[in-house]
N, C-alpha and C. Protein backbone atom coordinates (compact mmCIF):
# COMPACT_ATOMS: atom_id res chain seq x y z
N UNK A 1 -50.64 -30.32 25.59
CA UNK A 1 -50.18 -28.97 25.59
C UNK A 1 -50.98 -28.09 24.56
N UNK A 2 -51.38 -26.97 25.13
CA UNK A 2 -52.25 -26.05 24.18
C UNK A 2 -51.52 -25.40 23.13
N UNK A 3 -52.15 -25.13 21.96
CA UNK A 3 -51.44 -24.50 20.84
C UNK A 3 -51.06 -23.08 21.12
N UNK A 4 -49.84 -22.67 20.71
CA UNK A 4 -49.39 -21.28 20.85
C UNK A 4 -49.13 -20.64 19.54
N UNK A 5 -49.77 -19.53 19.30
CA UNK A 5 -49.44 -18.84 18.02
C UNK A 5 -47.98 -18.67 17.78
N UNK A 6 -47.48 -18.95 16.62
CA UNK A 6 -46.10 -18.65 16.28
C UNK A 6 -45.21 -19.80 16.61
N UNK A 7 -45.61 -20.81 17.15
CA UNK A 7 -44.88 -21.99 17.64
C UNK A 7 -44.87 -23.29 16.78
N UNK A 8 -45.78 -23.34 15.85
CA UNK A 8 -45.91 -24.44 15.11
C UNK A 8 -44.78 -24.62 14.14
N UNK A 9 -44.59 -25.84 13.58
CA UNK A 9 -43.41 -26.03 12.61
C UNK A 9 -43.70 -25.23 11.39
N UNK A 10 -44.74 -24.96 10.82
CA UNK A 10 -44.93 -24.11 9.78
C UNK A 10 -44.53 -22.71 10.02
N UNK A 11 -44.96 -22.23 11.24
CA UNK A 11 -44.52 -20.79 11.58
C UNK A 11 -42.96 -20.74 11.68
N UNK A 12 -42.26 -21.74 12.27
CA UNK A 12 -40.98 -21.70 12.43
C UNK A 12 -40.34 -21.84 11.05
N UNK A 13 -40.72 -22.58 10.24
CA UNK A 13 -40.21 -22.72 8.72
C UNK A 13 -40.42 -21.37 8.01
N UNK A 14 -41.63 -20.60 8.21
CA UNK A 14 -41.75 -19.36 7.69
C UNK A 14 -40.81 -18.37 8.13
N UNK A 15 -40.46 -18.43 9.35
CA UNK A 15 -39.51 -17.38 9.86
C UNK A 15 -38.24 -17.76 9.43
N UNK A 16 -37.70 -18.96 9.20
CA UNK A 16 -36.42 -19.34 8.70
C UNK A 16 -36.38 -18.87 7.35
N UNK A 17 -37.43 -19.17 6.46
CA UNK A 17 -37.32 -18.79 4.99
C UNK A 17 -37.37 -17.24 4.93
N UNK A 18 -38.10 -16.60 5.75
CA UNK A 18 -38.06 -15.17 5.67
C UNK A 18 -36.51 -14.68 6.00
N UNK A 19 -35.94 -15.25 6.99
CA UNK A 19 -34.54 -14.89 7.38
C UNK A 19 -33.61 -15.04 6.24
N UNK A 20 -33.71 -16.31 5.65
CA UNK A 20 -32.65 -16.64 4.56
C UNK A 20 -33.06 -15.79 3.29
N UNK A 21 -34.32 -15.61 2.95
CA UNK A 21 -34.69 -15.02 1.62
C UNK A 21 -34.70 -13.40 1.75
N UNK A 22 -34.82 -12.90 2.91
CA UNK A 22 -34.98 -11.34 2.86
C UNK A 22 -33.87 -10.86 3.81
N UNK A 23 -33.74 -11.16 4.92
CA UNK A 23 -32.77 -10.69 5.99
C UNK A 23 -31.38 -10.77 5.56
N UNK A 24 -30.91 -11.99 5.22
CA UNK A 24 -29.52 -12.20 4.95
C UNK A 24 -29.14 -11.42 3.59
N UNK A 25 -29.90 -11.46 2.54
CA UNK A 25 -29.59 -10.75 1.28
C UNK A 25 -29.49 -9.18 1.60
N UNK A 26 -30.27 -8.72 2.37
CA UNK A 26 -30.30 -7.29 2.61
C UNK A 26 -29.01 -6.84 3.48
N UNK A 27 -28.70 -7.80 4.38
CA UNK A 27 -27.32 -7.64 5.15
C UNK A 27 -26.15 -7.70 4.32
N UNK A 28 -26.09 -8.73 3.41
CA UNK A 28 -24.94 -8.84 2.47
C UNK A 28 -24.97 -7.56 1.56
N UNK A 29 -25.96 -7.05 1.02
CA UNK A 29 -25.87 -6.00 0.17
C UNK A 29 -25.58 -4.78 0.97
N UNK A 30 -25.99 -4.48 2.15
CA UNK A 30 -25.59 -3.45 2.99
C UNK A 30 -24.15 -3.47 3.26
N UNK A 31 -23.66 -4.64 3.69
CA UNK A 31 -22.19 -4.75 4.15
C UNK A 31 -21.25 -4.60 2.81
N UNK A 32 -21.71 -5.11 1.65
CA UNK A 32 -20.96 -4.93 0.53
C UNK A 32 -20.87 -3.46 0.10
N UNK A 33 -21.98 -2.81 0.19
CA UNK A 33 -21.99 -1.30 -0.06
C UNK A 33 -20.94 -0.65 0.90
N UNK A 34 -20.99 -0.96 2.27
CA UNK A 34 -20.11 -0.50 3.19
C UNK A 34 -18.56 -0.76 2.77
N UNK A 35 -18.34 -2.07 2.41
CA UNK A 35 -17.01 -2.46 2.12
C UNK A 35 -16.56 -1.56 0.82
N UNK A 36 -17.25 -1.47 -0.21
CA UNK A 36 -16.96 -0.86 -1.37
C UNK A 36 -16.67 0.68 -1.14
N UNK A 37 -17.54 1.21 -0.34
CA UNK A 37 -17.43 2.73 -0.07
C UNK A 37 -16.10 2.87 0.64
N UNK A 38 -15.73 2.09 1.72
CA UNK A 38 -14.64 2.22 2.50
C UNK A 38 -13.46 1.91 1.62
N UNK A 39 -13.45 1.06 0.91
CA UNK A 39 -12.25 0.64 0.01
C UNK A 39 -12.05 1.88 -0.92
N UNK A 40 -13.18 2.41 -1.58
CA UNK A 40 -12.93 3.52 -2.39
C UNK A 40 -12.43 4.78 -1.70
N UNK A 41 -12.84 4.95 -0.43
CA UNK A 41 -12.28 5.98 0.21
C UNK A 41 -10.84 5.84 0.55
N UNK A 42 -10.33 4.75 0.87
CA UNK A 42 -8.87 4.51 1.06
C UNK A 42 -8.22 4.52 -0.35
N UNK A 43 -8.72 4.11 -1.46
CA UNK A 43 -7.93 4.31 -2.78
C UNK A 43 -7.93 5.77 -3.16
N UNK A 44 -8.88 6.52 -2.69
CA UNK A 44 -8.79 8.02 -3.15
C UNK A 44 -7.57 8.66 -2.54
N UNK A 45 -6.97 8.25 -1.63
CA UNK A 45 -5.78 8.70 -1.00
C UNK A 45 -4.59 8.45 -1.90
N UNK A 46 -4.68 7.51 -2.87
CA UNK A 46 -3.40 7.09 -3.74
C UNK A 46 -3.65 7.41 -5.21
N UNK A 47 -4.81 8.05 -5.44
CA UNK A 47 -5.31 8.33 -6.90
C UNK A 47 -4.70 9.87 -7.20
N UNK A 48 -4.02 9.99 -8.46
CA UNK A 48 -3.62 11.37 -8.69
C UNK A 48 -4.80 12.30 -8.76
N UNK A 49 -4.55 13.53 -8.48
CA UNK A 49 -5.61 14.56 -8.36
C UNK A 49 -5.35 15.80 -9.24
N UNK A 50 -4.52 15.58 -10.17
CA UNK A 50 -4.20 16.78 -11.16
C UNK A 50 -5.31 17.67 -11.41
N UNK A 51 -6.37 17.16 -11.90
CA UNK A 51 -7.64 17.85 -12.29
C UNK A 51 -8.79 17.52 -11.45
N UNK A 52 -8.76 16.56 -10.66
CA UNK A 52 -9.97 15.91 -9.96
C UNK A 52 -10.81 15.16 -10.87
N UNK A 53 -10.65 15.09 -12.18
CA UNK A 53 -11.59 14.26 -13.07
C UNK A 53 -11.40 12.81 -12.79
N UNK A 54 -10.23 12.34 -12.45
CA UNK A 54 -10.11 11.06 -12.24
C UNK A 54 -10.63 10.64 -10.86
N UNK A 55 -10.57 11.35 -9.78
CA UNK A 55 -11.19 11.08 -8.50
C UNK A 55 -12.64 11.10 -8.51
N UNK A 56 -13.10 12.25 -9.33
CA UNK A 56 -14.56 12.44 -9.34
C UNK A 56 -15.18 11.40 -10.22
N UNK A 57 -14.38 10.62 -11.06
CA UNK A 57 -15.05 9.56 -11.97
C UNK A 57 -15.34 8.23 -11.14
N UNK A 58 -14.96 8.23 -9.75
CA UNK A 58 -15.03 6.96 -9.10
C UNK A 58 -16.65 6.56 -8.95
N UNK A 59 -16.88 5.27 -9.13
CA UNK A 59 -18.30 4.81 -9.00
C UNK A 59 -18.30 3.41 -8.51
N UNK A 60 -19.30 2.96 -7.84
CA UNK A 60 -19.52 1.62 -7.31
C UNK A 60 -20.96 1.15 -7.57
N UNK A 61 -21.04 -0.04 -7.68
CA UNK A 61 -22.34 -0.70 -7.86
C UNK A 61 -22.38 -2.01 -7.08
N UNK A 62 -23.56 -2.35 -6.45
CA UNK A 62 -23.67 -3.54 -5.71
C UNK A 62 -24.86 -4.36 -6.51
N UNK A 63 -24.61 -5.52 -6.88
CA UNK A 63 -25.56 -6.18 -7.60
C UNK A 63 -25.84 -7.61 -6.96
N UNK A 64 -26.99 -8.17 -7.20
CA UNK A 64 -27.39 -9.55 -6.90
C UNK A 64 -27.98 -10.31 -7.98
N UNK A 65 -27.40 -11.41 -8.34
CA UNK A 65 -27.86 -12.13 -9.36
C UNK A 65 -28.08 -13.55 -8.91
N UNK A 66 -29.38 -14.04 -8.52
CA UNK A 66 -29.58 -15.26 -7.83
C UNK A 66 -28.92 -15.23 -6.47
N UNK A 67 -28.01 -16.29 -6.23
CA UNK A 67 -27.22 -16.39 -4.96
C UNK A 67 -25.94 -15.59 -5.11
N UNK A 68 -25.65 -14.96 -6.21
CA UNK A 68 -24.33 -14.19 -6.35
C UNK A 68 -24.54 -12.76 -6.09
N UNK A 69 -23.59 -12.29 -5.23
CA UNK A 69 -23.60 -10.85 -4.83
C UNK A 69 -22.28 -10.38 -5.30
N UNK A 70 -22.12 -9.05 -6.00
CA UNK A 70 -21.05 -8.51 -6.48
C UNK A 70 -21.09 -6.98 -6.20
N UNK A 71 -19.84 -6.65 -5.80
CA UNK A 71 -19.51 -5.06 -5.66
C UNK A 71 -18.43 -4.85 -6.70
N UNK A 72 -18.67 -3.83 -7.48
CA UNK A 72 -17.89 -3.44 -8.47
C UNK A 72 -17.53 -1.90 -8.08
N UNK A 73 -16.20 -1.54 -8.09
CA UNK A 73 -15.83 -0.26 -7.96
C UNK A 73 -14.78 0.16 -9.02
N UNK A 74 -14.88 1.37 -9.52
CA UNK A 74 -13.81 1.70 -10.50
C UNK A 74 -13.75 3.10 -10.74
N UNK A 75 -12.61 3.66 -11.34
CA UNK A 75 -12.49 4.97 -11.69
C UNK A 75 -12.68 5.06 -13.31
N UNK A 76 -13.61 5.80 -13.78
CA UNK A 76 -14.06 5.75 -15.10
C UNK A 76 -13.69 6.92 -16.11
N UNK A 77 -12.68 7.58 -15.65
CA UNK A 77 -12.19 8.66 -16.51
C UNK A 77 -11.37 8.00 -17.58
N UNK A 78 -11.21 8.69 -18.83
CA UNK A 78 -10.58 8.07 -20.01
C UNK A 78 -9.10 7.52 -19.70
N UNK A 79 -8.40 8.12 -18.82
CA UNK A 79 -7.02 7.75 -18.57
C UNK A 79 -6.72 6.91 -17.28
N UNK A 80 -7.91 6.55 -16.65
CA UNK A 80 -7.77 5.81 -15.49
C UNK A 80 -7.01 4.52 -15.56
N UNK A 81 -7.35 3.74 -16.54
CA UNK A 81 -6.63 2.48 -16.79
C UNK A 81 -5.10 2.59 -17.12
N UNK A 82 -4.82 3.56 -17.90
CA UNK A 82 -3.50 3.87 -18.34
C UNK A 82 -2.56 4.15 -16.99
N UNK A 83 -3.26 5.04 -16.17
CA UNK A 83 -2.41 5.32 -15.02
C UNK A 83 -2.29 4.17 -13.93
N UNK A 84 -3.43 3.56 -13.70
CA UNK A 84 -3.36 2.28 -12.83
C UNK A 84 -2.47 1.16 -13.22
N UNK A 85 -2.72 0.76 -14.55
CA UNK A 85 -1.87 -0.49 -14.90
C UNK A 85 -1.30 -0.05 -16.37
N UNK A 86 -0.21 0.67 -16.48
CA UNK A 86 0.31 1.03 -17.72
C UNK A 86 1.15 -0.19 -18.41
N UNK A 87 1.10 -0.07 -19.69
CA UNK A 87 1.82 -1.18 -20.49
C UNK A 87 3.23 -1.11 -19.82
N UNK A 88 3.77 -2.38 -19.50
CA UNK A 88 5.21 -2.43 -19.03
C UNK A 88 6.22 -1.83 -20.05
N UNK A 89 7.02 -0.97 -19.57
CA UNK A 89 8.07 -0.37 -20.32
C UNK A 89 7.42 0.76 -21.15
N UNK A 90 6.09 0.98 -21.14
CA UNK A 90 5.45 2.18 -21.87
C UNK A 90 5.75 3.53 -21.37
N UNK A 91 5.15 4.50 -21.94
CA UNK A 91 5.47 5.92 -21.46
C UNK A 91 4.93 6.23 -20.15
N UNK A 92 3.96 5.62 -19.72
CA UNK A 92 3.32 5.88 -18.27
C UNK A 92 3.81 4.89 -17.26
N UNK A 93 4.63 3.88 -17.76
CA UNK A 93 5.17 2.93 -16.59
C UNK A 93 6.12 3.61 -15.70
N UNK A 94 5.94 3.57 -14.45
CA UNK A 94 6.65 4.30 -13.49
C UNK A 94 6.32 5.79 -13.29
N UNK A 95 5.21 6.14 -13.64
CA UNK A 95 4.57 7.46 -13.43
C UNK A 95 4.85 7.90 -12.02
N UNK A 96 5.06 9.01 -11.75
CA UNK A 96 5.14 9.66 -10.46
C UNK A 96 4.47 11.04 -10.52
N UNK A 97 3.71 11.48 -9.47
CA UNK A 97 3.21 12.69 -9.50
C UNK A 97 4.12 13.95 -9.49
N UNK A 98 3.84 14.99 -10.19
CA UNK A 98 4.66 16.17 -10.29
C UNK A 98 3.99 17.27 -9.41
N UNK A 99 4.80 17.92 -8.58
CA UNK A 99 4.27 19.00 -7.81
C UNK A 99 4.05 20.21 -8.72
N UNK A 100 3.23 21.14 -8.35
CA UNK A 100 2.93 22.53 -9.01
C UNK A 100 3.97 23.47 -8.37
N UNK A 101 4.67 24.37 -9.19
CA UNK A 101 4.76 24.29 -10.61
C UNK A 101 5.84 23.33 -11.11
N UNK A 102 5.76 22.56 -12.17
CA UNK A 102 6.74 21.73 -12.66
C UNK A 102 6.74 21.85 -14.13
N UNK A 103 7.93 21.57 -14.88
CA UNK A 103 7.79 21.60 -16.34
C UNK A 103 6.67 20.79 -16.95
N UNK A 104 5.86 21.52 -17.68
CA UNK A 104 4.75 20.70 -18.28
C UNK A 104 3.54 20.74 -17.29
N UNK A 105 3.61 21.31 -16.14
CA UNK A 105 2.49 21.30 -15.25
C UNK A 105 2.49 22.66 -14.41
N UNK A 106 1.83 23.56 -14.81
CA UNK A 106 1.84 24.84 -14.24
C UNK A 106 0.73 25.20 -13.25
N UNK A 107 -0.38 24.35 -13.36
CA UNK A 107 -1.53 24.52 -12.42
C UNK A 107 -2.02 23.04 -12.06
N UNK A 108 -2.94 23.03 -11.17
CA UNK A 108 -3.70 21.70 -10.81
C UNK A 108 -3.30 21.22 -9.49
N UNK A 109 -3.80 20.22 -9.08
CA UNK A 109 -3.68 19.46 -7.82
C UNK A 109 -2.48 18.72 -7.79
N UNK A 110 -2.08 18.37 -6.61
CA UNK A 110 -1.03 17.34 -6.38
C UNK A 110 -1.11 16.53 -5.23
N UNK A 111 -0.91 15.14 -5.35
CA UNK A 111 -1.04 14.21 -4.41
C UNK A 111 0.29 13.56 -4.41
N UNK A 112 1.02 13.90 -3.34
CA UNK A 112 2.37 13.33 -3.16
C UNK A 112 2.39 11.66 -2.90
N UNK A 113 1.29 11.26 -2.44
CA UNK A 113 0.94 9.85 -2.14
C UNK A 113 0.49 9.03 -3.27
N UNK A 114 0.25 9.66 -4.45
CA UNK A 114 -0.32 8.99 -5.55
C UNK A 114 0.62 7.91 -6.07
N UNK A 115 -0.04 6.72 -6.43
CA UNK A 115 0.72 5.57 -6.90
C UNK A 115 0.02 4.86 -7.91
N UNK A 116 0.69 4.22 -8.92
CA UNK A 116 0.08 3.37 -9.85
C UNK A 116 -0.36 2.08 -9.14
N UNK A 117 -1.24 1.34 -9.64
CA UNK A 117 -1.70 0.26 -9.07
C UNK A 117 -2.38 0.35 -7.73
N UNK A 118 -3.19 1.51 -7.69
CA UNK A 118 -3.72 1.87 -6.38
C UNK A 118 -4.71 0.89 -5.88
N UNK A 119 -5.50 0.18 -6.76
CA UNK A 119 -6.45 -0.67 -6.02
C UNK A 119 -5.64 -1.83 -5.37
N UNK A 120 -4.66 -2.41 -6.01
CA UNK A 120 -3.89 -3.60 -5.50
C UNK A 120 -3.16 -3.06 -4.08
N UNK A 121 -2.56 -1.86 -4.17
CA UNK A 121 -1.86 -1.45 -3.01
C UNK A 121 -2.93 -1.29 -1.87
N UNK A 122 -3.97 -0.62 -2.15
CA UNK A 122 -5.06 -0.39 -1.10
C UNK A 122 -5.49 -1.80 -0.57
N UNK A 123 -5.68 -2.76 -1.38
CA UNK A 123 -6.23 -3.97 -0.92
C UNK A 123 -5.12 -4.77 -0.06
N UNK A 124 -3.91 -4.63 -0.54
CA UNK A 124 -2.96 -5.29 0.31
C UNK A 124 -2.79 -4.63 1.69
N UNK A 125 -3.21 -3.48 1.72
CA UNK A 125 -2.94 -2.81 3.07
C UNK A 125 -4.28 -2.86 3.96
N UNK A 126 -5.37 -2.91 3.32
CA UNK A 126 -6.64 -2.89 4.10
C UNK A 126 -7.55 -4.17 3.78
N UNK A 127 -7.18 -4.94 2.88
CA UNK A 127 -8.14 -5.99 2.45
C UNK A 127 -8.56 -6.97 3.71
N UNK A 128 -7.64 -7.34 4.44
CA UNK A 128 -8.10 -8.32 5.68
C UNK A 128 -8.90 -7.55 6.67
N UNK A 129 -8.82 -6.26 6.88
CA UNK A 129 -9.66 -5.49 7.80
C UNK A 129 -11.01 -5.38 7.15
N UNK A 130 -11.05 -5.02 5.78
CA UNK A 130 -12.37 -4.91 5.16
C UNK A 130 -13.16 -6.11 5.22
N UNK A 131 -12.49 -7.31 4.91
CA UNK A 131 -13.23 -8.55 4.99
C UNK A 131 -13.71 -8.89 6.42
N UNK A 132 -12.99 -8.70 7.37
CA UNK A 132 -13.26 -8.82 8.79
C UNK A 132 -14.56 -7.93 9.15
N UNK A 133 -14.42 -6.76 8.85
CA UNK A 133 -15.52 -5.83 9.08
C UNK A 133 -16.80 -6.25 8.29
N UNK A 134 -16.82 -6.70 7.10
CA UNK A 134 -17.82 -7.30 6.33
C UNK A 134 -18.44 -8.52 7.02
N UNK A 135 -17.67 -9.55 7.45
CA UNK A 135 -18.24 -10.59 8.20
C UNK A 135 -18.81 -10.36 9.45
N UNK A 136 -18.18 -9.36 10.20
CA UNK A 136 -18.83 -9.05 11.49
C UNK A 136 -20.22 -8.24 11.26
N UNK A 137 -20.27 -7.58 10.24
CA UNK A 137 -21.48 -6.81 9.85
C UNK A 137 -22.66 -7.74 9.34
N UNK A 138 -22.24 -8.81 8.79
CA UNK A 138 -23.34 -9.88 8.37
C UNK A 138 -23.90 -10.39 9.45
N UNK A 139 -22.98 -10.88 10.51
CA UNK A 139 -23.51 -11.81 11.76
C UNK A 139 -24.00 -10.98 12.77
N UNK A 140 -23.97 -9.56 12.72
CA UNK A 140 -24.51 -8.82 13.85
C UNK A 140 -26.00 -9.02 14.03
């Protein structure tokens, strides 16, 4: 049988190495970015919007260290952690959004759907869908 270019064992091994070293990591990074973006968009519906500084502080990063891929998403204003996960029994525990105008709140935005623990609430509602879309995106 005559030799055909691209059909030797070495050529097949090179294609497999290229796929595992280049194609798969790019797909994982791209799908993690999509997952984090979509998750962040869903959480925005539950975040308080009094001054928009909290919602505008959202940031996400996608990193790869060796074989480990990581998506990090967060809200980075000074009071984000206090509103999201307040000290049990503390001043902010059980916080609810106040409409405009209210005592102590004359101006600003209002999100009637705002909730504490918005990351966990969002993941409970959309986590399975997001993971399914992530897996489908990698295998396309």
